[in-house]
Amino acid sequence: MENKKGMKVEPLNFFSNDMKVAKDQLAHNHLKLTYQRDSVTDLEQKHKEWAQEDTAS
């Protein structure tokens, strides 16, 4: 019995050899990401504090 699913599929290439990102742009994006993470963490902390204040009242 012969396997009819013998077609070959090339793996997807998610990275482009033509795309280049400058080192300073990477650093800038990293700083933005860090700021966003800190902002979300601060917001989550504030929500917890507000929830505790509401339950105490």
PDB file of N, CA and C in Angstrom:
ATOM      1  N   MET A   1       0.845  -1.167   0.000  1.00  0.00           N
ATOM      2  CA  MET A   1       0.000   0.000   0.000  1.00  0.00           C
ATOM      3  C   MET A   1       0.900   1.244   0.000  1.00  0.00           C
ATOM      4  N   GLU A   2       0.677   2.109  -0.930  1.00  0.00           N
ATOM      5  CA  GLU A   2       1.526   3.291  -1.094  1.00  0.00           C
ATOM      6  C   GLU A   2       0.907   4.498  -0.386  1.00  0.00           C
ATOM      7  N   ASN A   3       1.730   5.268   0.273  1.00  0.00           N
ATOM      8  CA  ASN A   3       1.270   6.468   0.963  1.00  0.00           C
ATOM      9  C   ASN A   3       1.072   7.580  -0.057  1.00  0.00           C
ATOM     10  N   LYS A   4      -0.166   8.040  -0.201  1.00  0.00           N
ATOM     11  CA  LYS A   4      -0.464   9.070  -1.198  1.00  0.00           C
ATOM     12  C   LYS A   4      -0.263  10.480  -0.644  1.00  0.00           C
ATOM     13  N   LYS A   5       0.069  10.578   0.628  1.00  0.00           N
ATOM     14  CA  LYS A   5       0.312  11.890   1.226  1.00  0.00           C
ATOM     15  C   LYS A   5       1.797  12.228   1.162  1.00  0.00           C
ATOM     16  N   GLY A   6       2.430  11.854   0.098  1.00  0.00           N
ATOM     17  CA  GLY A   6       3.867  12.029  -0.027  1.00  0.00           C
ATOM     18  C   GLY A   6       4.293  13.382  -0.549  1.00  0.00           C
ATOM     19  N   MET A   7       3.367  14.345  -0.661  1.00  0.00           N
ATOM     20  CA  MET A   7       3.799  15.646  -1.171  1.00  0.00           C
ATOM     21  C   MET A   7       4.634  16.364  -0.117  1.00  0.00           C
ATOM     22  N   LYS A   8       5.649  17.031  -0.581  1.00  0.00           N
ATOM     23  CA  LYS A   8       6.565  17.711   0.331  1.00  0.00           C
ATOM     24  C   LYS A   8       6.112  19.152   0.522  1.00  0.00           C
ATOM     25  N   VAL A   9       6.097  19.559   1.761  1.00  0.00           N
ATOM     26  CA  VAL A   9       5.729  20.928   2.107  1.00  0.00           C
ATOM     27  C   VAL A   9       6.964  21.587   2.693  1.00  0.00           C
ATOM     28  N   GLU A  10       7.333  22.722   2.112  1.00  0.00           N
ATOM     29  CA  GLU A  10       8.495  23.439   2.622  1.00  0.00           C
ATOM     30  C   GLU A  10       8.104  24.168   3.908  1.00  0.00           C
ATOM     31  N   PRO A  11       8.980  24.159   4.892  1.00  0.00           N
ATOM     32  CA  PRO A  11       8.652  24.857   6.142  1.00  0.00           C
ATOM     33  C   PRO A  11       8.528  26.360   5.909  1.00  0.00           C
ATOM     34  N   LEU A  12       7.650  26.977   6.692  1.00  0.00           N
ATOM     35  CA  LEU A  12       7.444  28.413   6.564  1.00  0.00           C
ATOM     36  C   LEU A  12       8.662  29.166   7.075  1.00  0.00           C
ATOM     37  N   ASN A  13       8.986  30.236   6.389  1.00  0.00           N
ATOM     38  CA  ASN A  13      10.095  31.086   6.796  1.00  0.00           C
ATOM     39  C   ASN A  13       9.506  32.374   7.373  1.00  0.00           C
ATOM     40  N   PHE A  14       9.560  32.512   8.687  1.00  0.00           N
ATOM     41  CA  PHE A  14       8.970  33.668   9.333  1.00  0.00           C
ATOM     42  C   PHE A  14       9.913  34.863   9.372  1.00  0.00           C
ATOM     43  N   PHE A  15      11.141  34.663   9.018  1.00  0.00           N
ATOM     44  CA  PHE A  15      12.119  35.735   9.093  1.00  0.00           C
ATOM     45  C   PHE A  15      12.569  36.113   7.693  1.00  0.00           C
ATOM     46  N   SER A  16      12.727  37.383   7.473  1.00  0.00           N
ATOM     47  CA  SER A  16      13.157  37.873   6.177  1.00  0.00           C
ATOM     48  C   SER A  16      14.633  38.248   6.240  1.00  0.00           C
ATOM     49  N   ASN A  17      15.363  37.864   5.231  1.00  0.00           N
ATOM     50  CA  ASN A  17      16.772  38.234   5.159  1.00  0.00           C
ATOM     51  C   ASN A  17      16.938  39.681   4.705  1.00  0.00           C
ATOM     52  N   ASP A  18      15.871  40.261   4.131  1.00  0.00           N
ATOM     53  CA  ASP A  18      15.952  41.617   3.611  1.00  0.00           C
ATOM     54  C   ASP A  18      15.664  42.672   4.678  1.00  0.00           C
ATOM     55  N   MET A  19      15.021  42.282   5.753  1.00  0.00           N
ATOM     56  CA  MET A  19      14.612  43.250   6.759  1.00  0.00           C
ATOM     57  C   MET A  19      15.732  43.468   7.774  1.00  0.00           C
ATOM     58  N   LYS A  20      16.042  44.715   7.989  1.00  0.00           N
ATOM     59  CA  LYS A  20      17.074  45.046   8.964  1.00  0.00           C
ATOM     60  C   LYS A  20      16.524  46.107   9.901  1.00  0.00           C
ATOM     61  N   VAL A  21      16.803  45.955  11.172  1.00  0.00           N
ATOM     62  CA  VAL A  21      16.356  46.910  12.181  1.00  0.00           C
ATOM     63  C   VAL A  21      17.599  47.462  12.859  1.00  0.00           C
ATOM     64  N   ALA A  22      17.635  48.770  12.954  1.00  0.00           N
ATOM     65  CA  ALA A  22      18.798  49.414  13.561  1.00  0.00           C
ATOM     66  C   ALA A  22      18.854  49.102  15.052  1.00  0.00           C
ATOM     67  N   LYS A  23      20.065  49.086  15.575  1.00  0.00           N
ATOM     68  CA  LYS A  23      20.269  48.769  16.989  1.00  0.00           C
ATOM     69  C   LYS A  23      19.581  49.786  17.892  1.00  0.00           C
ATOM     70  N   ASP A  24      19.620  51.059  17.508  1.00  0.00           N
ATOM     71  CA  ASP A  24      18.965  52.079  18.324  1.00  0.00           C
ATOM     72  C   ASP A  24      17.449  51.934  18.289  1.00  0.00           C
ATOM     73  N   GLN A  25      16.910  51.459  17.167  1.00  0.00           N
ATOM     74  CA  GLN A  25      15.471  51.230  17.084  1.00  0.00           C
ATOM     75  C   GLN A  25      15.061  50.062  17.990  1.00  0.00           C
ATOM     76  N   LEU A  26      15.884  49.027  18.034  1.00  0.00           N
ATOM     77  CA  LEU A  26      15.621  47.911  18.941  1.00  0.00           C
ATOM     78  C   LEU A  26      15.653  48.375  20.395  1.00  0.00           C
ATOM     79  N   ALA A  27      16.628  49.202  20.727  1.00  0.00           N
ATOM     80  CA  ALA A  27      16.742  49.711  22.095  1.00  0.00           C
ATOM     81  C   ALA A  27      15.533  50.577  22.444  1.00  0.00           C
ATOM     82  N   HIS A  28      15.102  51.410  21.498  1.00  0.00           N
ATOM     83  CA  HIS A  28      13.942  52.269  21.722  1.00  0.00           C
ATOM     84  C   HIS A  28      12.680  51.431  21.934  1.00  0.00           C
ATOM     85  N   ASN A  29      12.495  50.407  21.112  1.00  0.00           N
ATOM     86  CA  ASN A  29      11.330  49.535  21.253  1.00  0.00           C
ATOM     87  C   ASN A  29      11.362  48.786  22.582  1.00  0.00           C
ATOM     88  N   HIS A  30      12.549  48.400  23.022  1.00  0.00           N
ATOM     89  CA  HIS A  30      12.681  47.711  24.307  1.00  0.00           C
ATOM     90  C   HIS A  30      12.295  48.643  25.454  1.00  0.00           C
ATOM     91  N   LEU A  31      12.715  49.901  25.369  1.00  0.00           N
ATOM     92  CA  LEU A  31      12.346  50.877  26.399  1.00  0.00           C
ATOM     93  C   LEU A  31      10.833  51.103  26.434  1.00  0.00           C
ATOM     94  N   LYS A  32      10.216  51.182  25.250  1.00  0.00           N
ATOM     95  CA  LYS A  32       8.764  51.356  25.197  1.00  0.00           C
ATOM     96  C   LYS A  32       8.053  50.164  25.816  1.00  0.00           C
ATOM     97  N   LEU A  33       8.522  48.965  25.510  1.00  0.00           N
ATOM     98  CA  LEU A  33       7.919  47.756  26.060  1.00  0.00           C
ATOM     99  C   LEU A  33       8.049  47.717  27.575  1.00  0.00           C
ATOM    100  N   THR A  34       9.223  48.078  28.075  1.00  0.00           N
ATOM    101  CA  THR A  34       9.447  48.101  29.519  1.00  0.00           C
ATOM    102  C   THR A  34       8.519  49.109  30.188  1.00  0.00           C
ATOM    103  N   TYR A  35       8.369  50.279  29.588  1.00  0.00           N
ATOM    104  CA  TYR A  35       7.473  51.301  30.134  1.00  0.00           C
ATOM    105  C   TYR A  35       6.031  50.794  30.163  1.00  0.00           C
ATOM    106  N   GLN A  36       5.600  50.137  29.085  1.00  0.00           N
ATOM    107  CA  GLN A  36       4.236  49.618  29.027  1.00  0.00           C
ATOM    108  C   GLN A  36       4.009  48.543  30.084  1.00  0.00           C
ATOM    109  N   ARG A  37       4.982  47.677  30.282  1.00  0.00           N
ATOM    110  CA  ARG A  37       4.857  46.642  31.316  1.00  0.00           C
ATOM    111  C   ARG A  37       4.725  47.269  32.696  1.00  0.00           C
ATOM    112  N   ASP A  38       5.554  48.280  32.965  1.00  0.00           N
ATOM    113  CA  ASP A  38       5.494  48.960  34.263  1.00  0.00           C
ATOM    114  C   ASP A  38       4.148  49.656  34.448  1.00  0.00           C
ATOM    115  N   SER A  39       3.631  50.267  33.382  1.00  0.00           N
ATOM    116  CA  SER A  39       2.348  50.957  33.471  1.00  0.00           C
ATOM    117  C   SER A  39       1.223  49.979  33.776  1.00  0.00           C
ATOM    118  N   VAL A  40       1.243  48.826  33.123  1.00  0.00           N
ATOM    119  CA  VAL A  40       0.209  47.814  33.359  1.00  0.00           C
ATOM    120  C   VAL A  40       0.307  47.283  34.779  1.00  0.00           C
ATOM    121  N   THR A  41       1.523  47.058  35.255  1.00  0.00           N
ATOM    122  CA  THR A  41       1.708  46.576  36.626  1.00  0.00           C
ATOM    123  C   THR A  41       1.192  47.599  37.627  1.00  0.00           C
ATOM    124  N   ASP A  42       1.495  48.874  37.396  1.00  0.00           N
ATOM    125  CA  ASP A  42       1.012  49.933  38.283  1.00  0.00           C
ATOM    126  C   ASP A  42      -0.514  49.991  38.270  1.00  0.00           C
ATOM    127  N   LEU A  43      -1.101  49.856  37.093  1.00  0.00           N
ATOM    128  CA  LEU A  43      -2.551  49.901  36.971  1.00  0.00           C
ATOM    129  C   LEU A  43      -3.198  48.724  37.693  1.00  0.00           C
ATOM    130  N   GLU A  44      -2.616  47.543  37.561  1.00  0.00           N
ATOM    131  CA  GLU A  44      -3.147  46.378  38.262  1.00  0.00           C
ATOM    132  C   GLU A  44      -3.080  46.581  39.772  1.00  0.00           C
ATOM    133  N   GLN A  45      -1.994  47.160  40.252  1.00  0.00           N
ATOM    134  CA  GLN A  45      -1.846  47.428  41.685  1.00  0.00           C
ATOM    135  C   GLN A  45      -2.907  48.424  42.154  1.00  0.00           C
ATOM    136  N   LYS A  46      -3.151  49.459  41.359  1.00  0.00           N
ATOM    137  CA  LYS A  46      -4.168  50.446  41.713  1.00  0.00           C
ATOM    138  C   LYS A  46      -5.549  49.803  41.756  1.00  0.00           C
ATOM    139  N   HIS A  47      -5.839  48.921  40.809  1.00  0.00           N
ATOM    140  CA  HIS A  47      -7.137  48.246  40.793  1.00  0.00           C
ATOM    141  C   HIS A  47      -7.320  47.396  42.048  1.00  0.00           C
ATOM    142  N   LYS A  48      -6.256  46.724  42.473  1.00  0.00           N
ATOM    143  CA  LYS A  48      -6.337  45.923  43.699  1.00  0.00           C
ATOM    144  C   LYS A  48      -6.599  46.815  44.910  1.00  0.00           C
ATOM    145  N   GLU A  49      -5.913  47.951  44.968  1.00  0.00           N
ATOM    146  CA  GLU A  49      -6.116  48.885  46.080  1.00  0.00           C
ATOM    147  C   GLU A  49      -7.542  49.422  46.080  1.00  0.00           C
ATOM    148  N   TRP A  50      -8.054  49.790  44.905  1.00  0.00           N
ATOM    149  CA  TRP A  50      -9.411  50.311  44.814  1.00  0.00           C
ATOM    150  C   TRP A  50     -10.430  49.249  45.221  1.00  0.00           C
ATOM    151  N   ALA A  51     -10.184  48.006  44.830  1.00  0.00           N
ATOM    152  CA  ALA A  51     -11.097  46.922  45.196  1.00  0.00           C
ATOM    153  C   ALA A  51     -11.109  46.721  46.708  1.00  0.00           C
ATOM    154  N   GLN A  52      -9.947  46.816  47.340  1.00  0.00           N
ATOM    155  CA  GLN A  52      -9.885  46.677  48.797  1.00  0.00           C
ATOM    156  C   GLN A  52     -10.600  47.835  49.484  1.00  0.00           C
ATOM    157  N   GLU A  53     -10.458  49.037  48.944  1.00  0.00           N
ATOM    158  CA  GLU A  53     -11.140  50.197  49.518  1.00  0.00           C
ATOM    159  C   GLU A  53     -12.652  50.049  49.395  1.00  0.00           C
ATOM    160  N   ASP A  54     -13.113  49.511  48.265  1.00  0.00           N
ATOM    161  CA  ASP A  54     -14.549  49.322  48.061  1.00  0.00           C
ATOM    162  C   ASP A  54     -15.113  48.272  49.007  1.00  0.00           C
ATOM    163  N   THR A  55     -14.366  47.209  49.246  1.00  0.00           N
ATOM    164  CA  THR A  55     -14.864  46.166  50.143  1.00  0.00           C
ATOM    165  C   THR A  55     -14.823  46.628  51.599  1.00  0.00           C
ATOM    166  N   ALA A  56     -13.909  47.533  51.926  1.00  0.00           N
ATOM    167  CA  ALA A  56     -13.810  48.042  53.295  1.00  0.00           C
ATOM    168  C   ALA A  56     -14.936  49.030  53.597  1.00  0.00           C
ATOM    169  N   SER A  57     -15.462  49.676  52.570  1.00  0.00           N
ATOM    170  CA  SER A  57     -16.515  50.683  52.786  1.00  0.00           C
ATOM    171  C   SER A  57     -17.874  50.066  52.943  1.00  0.00           C
TER     172      SER A  57
END
